[in-house]
PDB file of N, CA and C in Angstrom:
ATOM      1  N   MET A   1      -6.922 -30.789 -78.962  1.00  0.00           N
ATOM      2  CA  MET A   1      -5.925 -29.827 -78.577  1.00  0.00           C
ATOM      3  C   MET A   1      -4.716 -30.547 -78.021  1.00  0.00           C
ATOM      4  N   PRO A   2      -3.703 -30.733 -78.832  1.00  0.00           N
ATOM      5  CA  PRO A   2      -2.517 -31.470 -78.397  1.00  0.00           C
ATOM      6  C   PRO A   2      -1.707 -30.716 -77.335  1.00  0.00           C
ATOM      7  N   THR A   3      -1.382 -31.417 -76.280  1.00  0.00           N
ATOM      8  CA  THR A   3      -0.510 -30.866 -75.241  1.00  0.00           C
ATOM      9  C   THR A   3       0.928 -31.150 -75.641  1.00  0.00           C
ATOM     10  N   VAL A   4       1.761 -30.111 -75.624  1.00  0.00           N
ATOM     11  CA  VAL A   4       3.158 -30.284 -76.018  1.00  0.00           C
ATOM     12  C   VAL A   4       4.120 -30.216 -74.839  1.00  0.00           C
ATOM     13  N   LEU A   5       3.641 -29.671 -73.709  1.00  0.00           N
ATOM     14  CA  LEU A   5       4.531 -29.507 -72.571  1.00  0.00           C
ATOM     15  C   LEU A   5       3.695 -29.275 -71.319  1.00  0.00           C
ATOM     16  N   ARG A   6       4.145 -29.851 -70.218  1.00  0.00           N
ATOM     17  CA  ARG A   6       3.547 -29.588 -68.904  1.00  0.00           C
ATOM     18  C   ARG A   6       4.679 -29.202 -67.965  1.00  0.00           C
ATOM     19  N   ILE A   7       4.505 -28.059 -67.328  1.00  0.00           N
ATOM     20  CA  ILE A   7       5.480 -27.602 -66.343  1.00  0.00           C
ATOM     21  C   ILE A   7       4.695 -27.111 -65.139  1.00  0.00           C
ATOM     22  N   GLY A   8       4.842 -27.805 -64.030  1.00  0.00           N
ATOM     23  CA  GLY A   8       4.095 -27.430 -62.832  1.00  0.00           C
ATOM     24  C   GLY A   8       2.609 -27.353 -63.141  1.00  0.00           C
ATOM     25  N   PRO A   9       1.976 -26.221 -62.809  1.00  0.00           N
ATOM     26  CA  PRO A   9       0.536 -26.089 -63.031  1.00  0.00           C
ATOM     27  C   PRO A   9       0.173 -25.663 -64.451  1.00  0.00           C
ATOM     28  N   TYR A  10       1.147 -25.597 -65.349  1.00  0.00           N
ATOM     29  CA  TYR A  10       0.915 -25.050 -66.687  1.00  0.00           C
ATOM     30  C   TYR A  10       0.888 -26.145 -67.751  1.00  0.00           C
ATOM     31  N   ARG A  11      -0.128 -26.068 -68.591  1.00  0.00           N
ATOM     32  CA  ARG A  11      -0.241 -26.997 -69.728  1.00  0.00           C
ATOM     33  C   ARG A  11      -0.148 -26.184 -71.015  1.00  0.00           C
ATOM     34  N   PHE A  12       0.882 -26.453 -71.802  1.00  0.00           N
ATOM     35  CA  PHE A  12       1.138 -25.756 -73.064  1.00  0.00           C
ATOM     36  C   PHE A  12       0.514 -26.585 -74.184  1.00  0.00           C
ATOM     37  N   HIS A  13      -0.357 -25.960 -74.975  1.00  0.00           N
ATOM     38  CA  HIS A  13      -1.078 -26.718 -76.001  1.00  0.00           C
ATOM     39  C   HIS A  13      -1.445 -25.838 -77.200  1.00  0.00           C
ATOM     40  N   PHE A  14      -1.896 -26.509 -78.266  1.00  0.00           N
ATOM     41  CA  PHE A  14      -2.381 -25.849 -79.478  1.00  0.00           C
ATOM     42  C   PHE A  14      -3.840 -26.193 -79.680  1.00  0.00           C
ATOM     43  N   TYR A  15      -4.518 -25.377 -80.451  1.00  0.00           N
ATOM     44  CA  TYR A  15      -5.840 -25.717 -80.967  1.00  0.00           C
ATOM     45  C   TYR A  15      -5.660 -26.026 -82.445  1.00  0.00           C
ATOM     46  N   SER A  16      -6.326 -27.039 -82.925  1.00  0.00           N
ATOM     47  CA  SER A  16      -6.095 -27.509 -84.292  1.00  0.00           C
ATOM     48  C   SER A  16      -6.719 -26.622 -85.361  1.00  0.00           C
ATOM     49  N   ASP A  17      -7.619 -25.730 -85.002  1.00  0.00           N
ATOM     50  CA  ASP A  17      -8.316 -24.928 -86.008  1.00  0.00           C
ATOM     51  C   ASP A  17      -7.789 -23.502 -86.119  1.00  0.00           C
ATOM     52  N   GLU A  18      -6.538 -23.266 -85.803  1.00  0.00           N
ATOM     53  CA  GLU A  18      -5.970 -21.916 -85.837  1.00  0.00           C
ATOM     54  C   GLU A  18      -4.800 -21.793 -86.811  1.00  0.00           C
ATOM     55  N   ARG A  19      -4.898 -22.420 -87.930  1.00  0.00           N
ATOM     56  CA  ARG A  19      -3.789 -22.429 -88.897  1.00  0.00           C
ATOM     57  C   ARG A  19      -3.536 -21.083 -89.559  1.00  0.00           C
ATOM     58  N   ASN A  20      -4.489 -20.190 -89.533  1.00  0.00           N
ATOM     59  CA  ASN A  20      -4.325 -18.901 -90.194  1.00  0.00           C
ATOM     60  C   ASN A  20      -3.662 -17.853 -89.308  1.00  0.00           C
ATOM     61  N   GLU A  21      -3.308 -18.223 -88.109  1.00  0.00           N
ATOM     62  CA  GLU A  21      -2.650 -17.296 -87.197  1.00  0.00           C
ATOM     63  C   GLU A  21      -1.142 -17.541 -87.208  1.00  0.00           C
ATOM     64  N   PRO A  22      -0.371 -16.537 -86.809  1.00  0.00           N
ATOM     65  CA  PRO A  22       1.080 -16.743 -86.671  1.00  0.00           C
ATOM     66  C   PRO A  22       1.354 -17.788 -85.584  1.00  0.00           C
ATOM     67  N   PRO A  23       2.565 -18.345 -85.555  1.00  0.00           N
ATOM     68  CA  PRO A  23       2.905 -19.341 -84.537  1.00  0.00           C
ATOM     69  C   PRO A  23       2.640 -18.818 -83.120  1.00  0.00           C
ATOM     70  N   HIS A  24       1.985 -19.656 -82.335  1.00  0.00           N
ATOM     71  CA  HIS A  24       1.640 -19.271 -80.964  1.00  0.00           C
ATOM     72  C   HIS A  24       1.421 -20.516 -80.126  1.00  0.00           C
ATOM     73  N   ILE A  25       1.296 -20.295 -78.810  1.00  0.00           N
ATOM     74  CA  ILE A  25       1.062 -21.377 -77.867  1.00  0.00           C
ATOM     75  C   ILE A  25       0.014 -20.912 -76.854  1.00  0.00           C
ATOM     76  N   HIS A  26      -0.882 -21.817 -76.493  1.00  0.00           N
ATOM     77  CA  HIS A  26      -1.857 -21.557 -75.439  1.00  0.00           C
ATOM     78  C   HIS A  26      -1.349 -22.209 -74.164  1.00  0.00           C
ATOM     79  N   ILE A  27      -1.576 -21.530 -73.034  1.00  0.00           N
ATOM     80  CA  ILE A  27      -1.168 -22.076 -71.748  1.00  0.00           C
ATOM     81  C   ILE A  27      -2.374 -22.046 -70.826  1.00  0.00           C
ATOM     82  N   ALA A  28      -2.769 -23.217 -70.343  1.00  0.00           N
ATOM     83  CA  ALA A  28      -3.900 -23.346 -69.432  1.00  0.00           C
ATOM     84  C   ALA A  28      -3.386 -23.483 -68.004  1.00  0.00           C
ATOM     85  N   THR A  29      -4.097 -22.825 -67.087  1.00  0.00           N
ATOM     86  CA  THR A  29      -3.808 -22.925 -65.657  1.00  0.00           C
ATOM     87  C   THR A  29      -5.128 -23.142 -64.930  1.00  0.00           C
ATOM     88  N   ALA A  30      -5.059 -23.304 -63.624  1.00  0.00           N
ATOM     89  CA  ALA A  30      -6.273 -23.435 -62.832  1.00  0.00           C
ATOM     90  C   ALA A  30      -7.088 -22.141 -62.848  1.00  0.00           C
ATOM     91  N   ASN A  31      -6.418 -21.014 -63.110  1.00  0.00           N
ATOM     92  CA  ASN A  31      -7.081 -19.705 -63.088  1.00  0.00           C
ATOM     93  C   ASN A  31      -7.674 -19.290 -64.429  1.00  0.00           C
ATOM     94  N   GLY A  32      -7.185 -19.848 -65.516  1.00  0.00           N
ATOM     95  CA  GLY A  32      -7.642 -19.423 -66.834  1.00  0.00           C
ATOM     96  C   GLY A  32      -6.698 -19.890 -67.920  1.00  0.00           C
ATOM     97  N   GLU A  33      -6.625 -19.100 -68.980  1.00  0.00           N
ATOM     98  CA  GLU A  33      -5.789 -19.449 -70.122  1.00  0.00           C
ATOM     99  C   GLU A  33      -5.223 -18.185 -70.755  1.00  0.00           C
ATOM    100  N   CYS A  34      -4.013 -18.319 -71.294  1.00  0.00           N
ATOM    101  CA  CYS A  34      -3.416 -17.218 -72.034  1.00  0.00           C
ATOM    102  C   CYS A  34      -2.825 -17.762 -73.330  1.00  0.00           C
ATOM    103  N   LYS A  35      -2.468 -16.840 -74.217  1.00  0.00           N
ATOM    104  CA  LYS A  35      -1.863 -17.201 -75.491  1.00  0.00           C
ATOM    105  C   LYS A  35      -0.670 -16.290 -75.723  1.00  0.00           C
ATOM    106  N   PHE A  36       0.444 -16.897 -76.142  1.00  0.00           N
ATOM    107  CA  PHE A  36       1.649 -16.143 -76.465  1.00  0.00           C
ATOM    108  C   PHE A  36       2.005 -16.354 -77.924  1.00  0.00           C
ATOM    109  N   TRP A  37       2.298 -15.261 -78.623  1.00  0.00           N
ATOM    110  CA  TRP A  37       2.904 -15.364 -79.949  1.00  0.00           C
ATOM    111  C   TRP A  37       4.323 -15.868 -79.740  1.00  0.00           C
ATOM    112  N   LEU A  38       4.852 -16.601 -80.716  1.00  0.00           N
ATOM    113  CA  LEU A  38       6.195 -17.172 -80.586  1.00  0.00           C
ATOM    114  C   LEU A  38       7.267 -16.413 -81.352  1.00  0.00           C
ATOM    115  N   ASN A  39       6.876 -15.515 -82.242  1.00  0.00           N
ATOM    116  CA  ASN A  39       7.878 -14.805 -83.041  1.00  0.00           C
ATOM    117  C   ASN A  39       7.414 -13.402 -83.390  1.00  0.00           C
ATOM    118  N   PRO A  40       7.808 -12.394 -82.615  1.00  0.00           N
ATOM    119  CA  PRO A  40       8.553 -12.462 -81.355  1.00  0.00           C
ATOM    120  C   PRO A  40       7.626 -12.882 -80.217  1.00  0.00           C
ATOM    121  N   VAL A  41       8.232 -13.313 -79.125  1.00  0.00           N
ATOM    122  CA  VAL A  41       7.446 -13.731 -77.974  1.00  0.00           C
ATOM    123  C   VAL A  41       6.750 -12.520 -77.378  1.00  0.00           C
ATOM    124  N   SER A  42       5.420 -12.610 -77.305  1.00  0.00           N
ATOM    125  CA  SER A  42       4.641 -11.546 -76.679  1.00  0.00           C
ATOM    126  C   SER A  42       3.271 -12.101 -76.306  1.00  0.00           C
ATOM    127  N   LEU A  43       2.692 -11.526 -75.285  1.00  0.00           N
ATOM    128  CA  LEU A  43       1.381 -11.952 -74.824  1.00  0.00           C
ATOM    129  C   LEU A  43       0.333 -11.525 -75.843  1.00  0.00           C
ATOM    130  N   ALA A  44      -0.458 -12.481 -76.317  1.00  0.00           N
ATOM    131  CA  ALA A  44      -1.504 -12.198 -77.291  1.00  0.00           C
ATOM    132  C   ALA A  44      -2.862 -12.056 -76.622  1.00  0.00           C
ATOM    133  N   LYS A  45      -3.099 -12.863 -75.581  1.00  0.00           N
ATOM    134  CA  LYS A  45      -4.405 -12.871 -74.925  1.00  0.00           C
ATOM    135  C   LYS A  45      -4.263 -13.439 -73.527  1.00  0.00           C
ATOM    136  N   ASN A  46      -5.067 -12.923 -72.615  1.00  0.00           N
ATOM    137  CA  ASN A  46      -5.073 -13.442 -71.251  1.00  0.00           C
ATOM    138  C   ASN A  46      -6.498 -13.441 -70.725  1.00  0.00           C
ATOM    139  N   ARG A  47      -6.905 -14.575 -70.209  1.00  0.00           N
ATOM    140  CA  ARG A  47      -8.222 -14.692 -69.574  1.00  0.00           C
ATOM    141  C   ARG A  47      -8.058 -15.271 -68.180  1.00  0.00           C
ATOM    142  N   GLY A  48      -7.982 -14.403 -67.185  1.00  0.00           N
ATOM    143  CA  GLY A  48      -8.038 -14.835 -65.797  1.00  0.00           C
ATOM    144  C   GLY A  48      -6.738 -15.142 -65.093  1.00  0.00           C
ATOM    145  N   ILE A  49      -5.602 -15.012 -65.757  1.00  0.00           N
ATOM    146  CA  ILE A  49      -4.331 -15.342 -65.115  1.00  0.00           C
ATOM    147  C   ILE A  49      -3.715 -14.062 -64.542  1.00  0.00           C
ATOM    148  N   PRO A  50      -3.356 -14.075 -63.259  1.00  0.00           N
ATOM    149  CA  PRO A  50      -2.767 -12.888 -62.637  1.00  0.00           C
ATOM    150  C   PRO A  50      -1.426 -12.511 -63.269  1.00  0.00           C
ATOM    151  N   PRO A  51      -1.089 -11.226 -63.247  1.00  0.00           N
ATOM    152  CA  PRO A  51       0.162 -10.745 -63.858  1.00  0.00           C
ATOM    153  C   PRO A  51       1.417 -11.472 -63.392  1.00  0.00           C
ATOM    154  N   VAL A  52       1.498 -11.831 -62.126  1.00  0.00           N
ATOM    155  CA  VAL A  52       2.702 -12.518 -61.642  1.00  0.00           C
ATOM    156  C   VAL A  52       2.857 -13.883 -62.329  1.00  0.00           C
ATOM    157  N   GLN A  53       1.754 -14.582 -62.578  1.00  0.00           N
ATOM    158  CA  GLN A  53       1.827 -15.857 -63.288  1.00  0.00           C
ATOM    159  C   GLN A  53       2.126 -15.641 -64.765  1.00  0.00           C
ATOM    160  N   ILE A  54       1.611 -14.564 -65.349  1.00  0.00           N
ATOM    161  CA  ILE A  54       1.906 -14.264 -66.758  1.00  0.00           C
ATOM    162  C   ILE A  54       3.402 -14.086 -66.939  1.00  0.00           C
ATOM    163  N   ARG A  55       4.044 -13.383 -66.027  1.00  0.00           N
ATOM    164  CA  ARG A  55       5.497 -13.192 -66.121  1.00  0.00           C
ATOM    165  C   ARG A  55       6.236 -14.532 -66.000  1.00  0.00           C
ATOM    166  N   GLU A  56       5.764 -15.391 -65.106  1.00  0.00           N
ATOM    167  CA  GLU A  56       6.378 -16.718 -64.950  1.00  0.00           C
ATOM    168  C   GLU A  56       6.194 -17.546 -66.223  1.00  0.00           C
ATOM    169  N   ILE A  57       5.008 -17.509 -66.790  1.00  0.00           N
ATOM    170  CA  ILE A  57       4.732 -18.239 -68.026  1.00  0.00           C
ATOM    171  C   ILE A  57       5.583 -17.698 -69.164  1.00  0.00           C
ATOM    172  N   GLU A  58       5.707 -16.385 -69.256  1.00  0.00           N
ATOM    173  CA  GLU A  58       6.527 -15.785 -70.307  1.00  0.00           C
ATOM    174  C   GLU A  58       7.971 -16.281 -70.225  1.00  0.00           C
ATOM    175  N   LYS A  59       8.508 -16.378 -69.035  1.00  0.00           N
ATOM    176  CA  LYS A  59       9.866 -16.906 -68.855  1.00  0.00           C
ATOM    177  C   LYS A  59       9.952 -18.345 -69.346  1.00  0.00           C
ATOM    178  N   LEU A  60       8.915 -19.137 -69.061  1.00  0.00           N
ATOM    179  CA  LEU A  60       8.905 -20.531 -69.511  1.00  0.00           C
ATOM    180  C   LEU A  60       8.793 -20.627 -71.032  1.00  0.00           C
ATOM    181  N   VAL A  61       8.041 -19.715 -71.635  1.00  0.00           N
ATOM    182  CA  VAL A  61       7.949 -19.692 -73.102  1.00  0.00           C
ATOM    183  C   VAL A  61       9.328 -19.409 -73.687  1.00  0.00           C
ATOM    184  N   PHE A  62      10.023 -18.393 -73.162  1.00  0.00           N
ATOM    185  CA  PHE A  62      11.371 -18.088 -73.653  1.00  0.00           C
ATOM    186  C   PHE A  62      12.312 -19.284 -73.446  1.00  0.00           C
ATOM    187  N   LYS A  63      12.240 -19.910 -72.277  1.00  0.00           N
ATOM    188  CA  LYS A  63      13.130 -21.028 -71.956  1.00  0.00           C
ATOM    189  C   LYS A  63      12.907 -22.218 -72.883  1.00  0.00           C
ATOM    190  N   ASN A  64      11.672 -22.422 -73.325  1.00  0.00           N
ATOM    191  CA  ASN A  64      11.318 -23.577 -74.148  1.00  0.00           C
ATOM    192  C   ASN A  64      10.962 -23.190 -75.576  1.00  0.00           C
ATOM    193  N   LEU A  65      11.403 -22.033 -76.014  1.00  0.00           N
ATOM    194  CA  LEU A  65      10.996 -21.491 -77.302  1.00  0.00           C
ATOM    195  C   LEU A  65      11.315 -22.403 -78.480  1.00  0.00           C
ATOM    196  N   SER A  66      12.494 -22.966 -78.516  1.00  0.00           N
ATOM    197  CA  SER A  66      12.862 -23.850 -79.633  1.00  0.00           C
ATOM    198  C   SER A  66      11.915 -25.042 -79.726  1.00  0.00           C
ATOM    199  N   LEU A  67      11.669 -25.684 -78.605  1.00  0.00           N
ATOM    200  CA  LEU A  67      10.756 -26.821 -78.575  1.00  0.00           C
ATOM    201  C   LEU A  67       9.344 -26.411 -79.007  1.00  0.00           C
ATOM    202  N   LEU A  68       8.861 -25.295 -78.493  1.00  0.00           N
ATOM    203  CA  LEU A  68       7.507 -24.849 -78.823  1.00  0.00           C
ATOM    204  C   LEU A  68       7.365 -24.546 -80.313  1.00  0.00           C
ATOM    205  N   LYS A  69       8.371 -23.910 -80.903  1.00  0.00           N
ATOM    206  CA  LYS A  69       8.335 -23.630 -82.340  1.00  0.00           C
ATOM    207  C   LYS A  69       8.373 -24.920 -83.156  1.00  0.00           C
ATOM    208  N   GLU A  70       9.250 -25.842 -82.762  1.00  0.00           N
ATOM    209  CA  GLU A  70       9.335 -27.127 -83.471  1.00  0.00           C
ATOM    210  C   GLU A  70       8.004 -27.870 -83.414  1.00  0.00           C
ATOM    211  N   GLU A  71       7.406 -27.940 -82.242  1.00  0.00           N
ATOM    212  CA  GLU A  71       6.127 -28.639 -82.082  1.00  0.00           C
ATOM    213  C   GLU A  71       5.014 -27.948 -82.863  1.00  0.00           C
ATOM    214  N   TYR A  72       5.012 -26.629 -82.829  1.00  0.00           N
ATOM    215  CA  TYR A  72       3.989 -25.882 -83.580  1.00  0.00           C
ATOM    216  C   TYR A  72       4.111 -26.193 -85.078  1.00  0.00           C
ATOM    217  N   ASN A  73       5.311 -26.098 -85.601  1.00  0.00           N
ATOM    218  CA  ASN A  73       5.533 -26.340 -87.026  1.00  0.00           C
ATOM    219  C   ASN A  73       5.203 -27.776 -87.413  1.00  0.00           C
ATOM    220  N   ALA A  74       5.611 -28.724 -86.596  1.00  0.00           N
ATOM    221  CA  ALA A  74       5.334 -30.123 -86.890  1.00  0.00           C
ATOM    222  C   ALA A  74       3.832 -30.398 -86.878  1.00  0.00           C
ATOM    223  N   PHE A  75       3.128 -29.853 -85.905  1.00  0.00           N
ATOM    224  CA  PHE A  75       1.693 -30.102 -85.795  1.00  0.00           C
ATOM    225  C   PHE A  75       0.912 -29.460 -86.938  1.00  0.00           C
ATOM    226  N   HIS A  76       1.273 -28.251 -87.295  1.00  0.00           N
ATOM    227  CA  HIS A  76       0.502 -27.519 -88.303  1.00  0.00           C
ATOM    228  C   HIS A  76       0.898 -27.837 -89.742  1.00  0.00           C
ATOM    229  N   LYS A  77       1.889 -28.689 -89.943  1.00  0.00           N
ATOM    230  CA  LYS A  77       2.245 -29.123 -91.296  1.00  0.00           C
ATOM    231  C   LYS A  77       1.566 -30.429 -91.664  1.00  0.00           C
ATOM    232  N   LYS A  78       0.727 -30.950 -90.786  1.00  0.00           N
ATOM    233  CA  LYS A  78       0.022 -32.214 -91.048  1.00  0.00           C
ATOM    234  C   LYS A  78      -0.935 -32.053 -92.196  1.00  0.00           C
TER     235      LYS A  78
END
């Protein structure tokens, strides 16, 4: 699972066996993990992360959207 970005307590990463899904990013925290679709940005799944952190993570996804899309495309075209 390649890590593409670390911001504070958040680790943004992909799983290598999810090529059949639309572009997305997983974010791991001490509390759990969530997944955001990248086009359009929306929460796909949440396991254990409080709503206030989800909103913070969503802002970070929007702020880093270009990078996340580039990394997703580069990784999944291997």
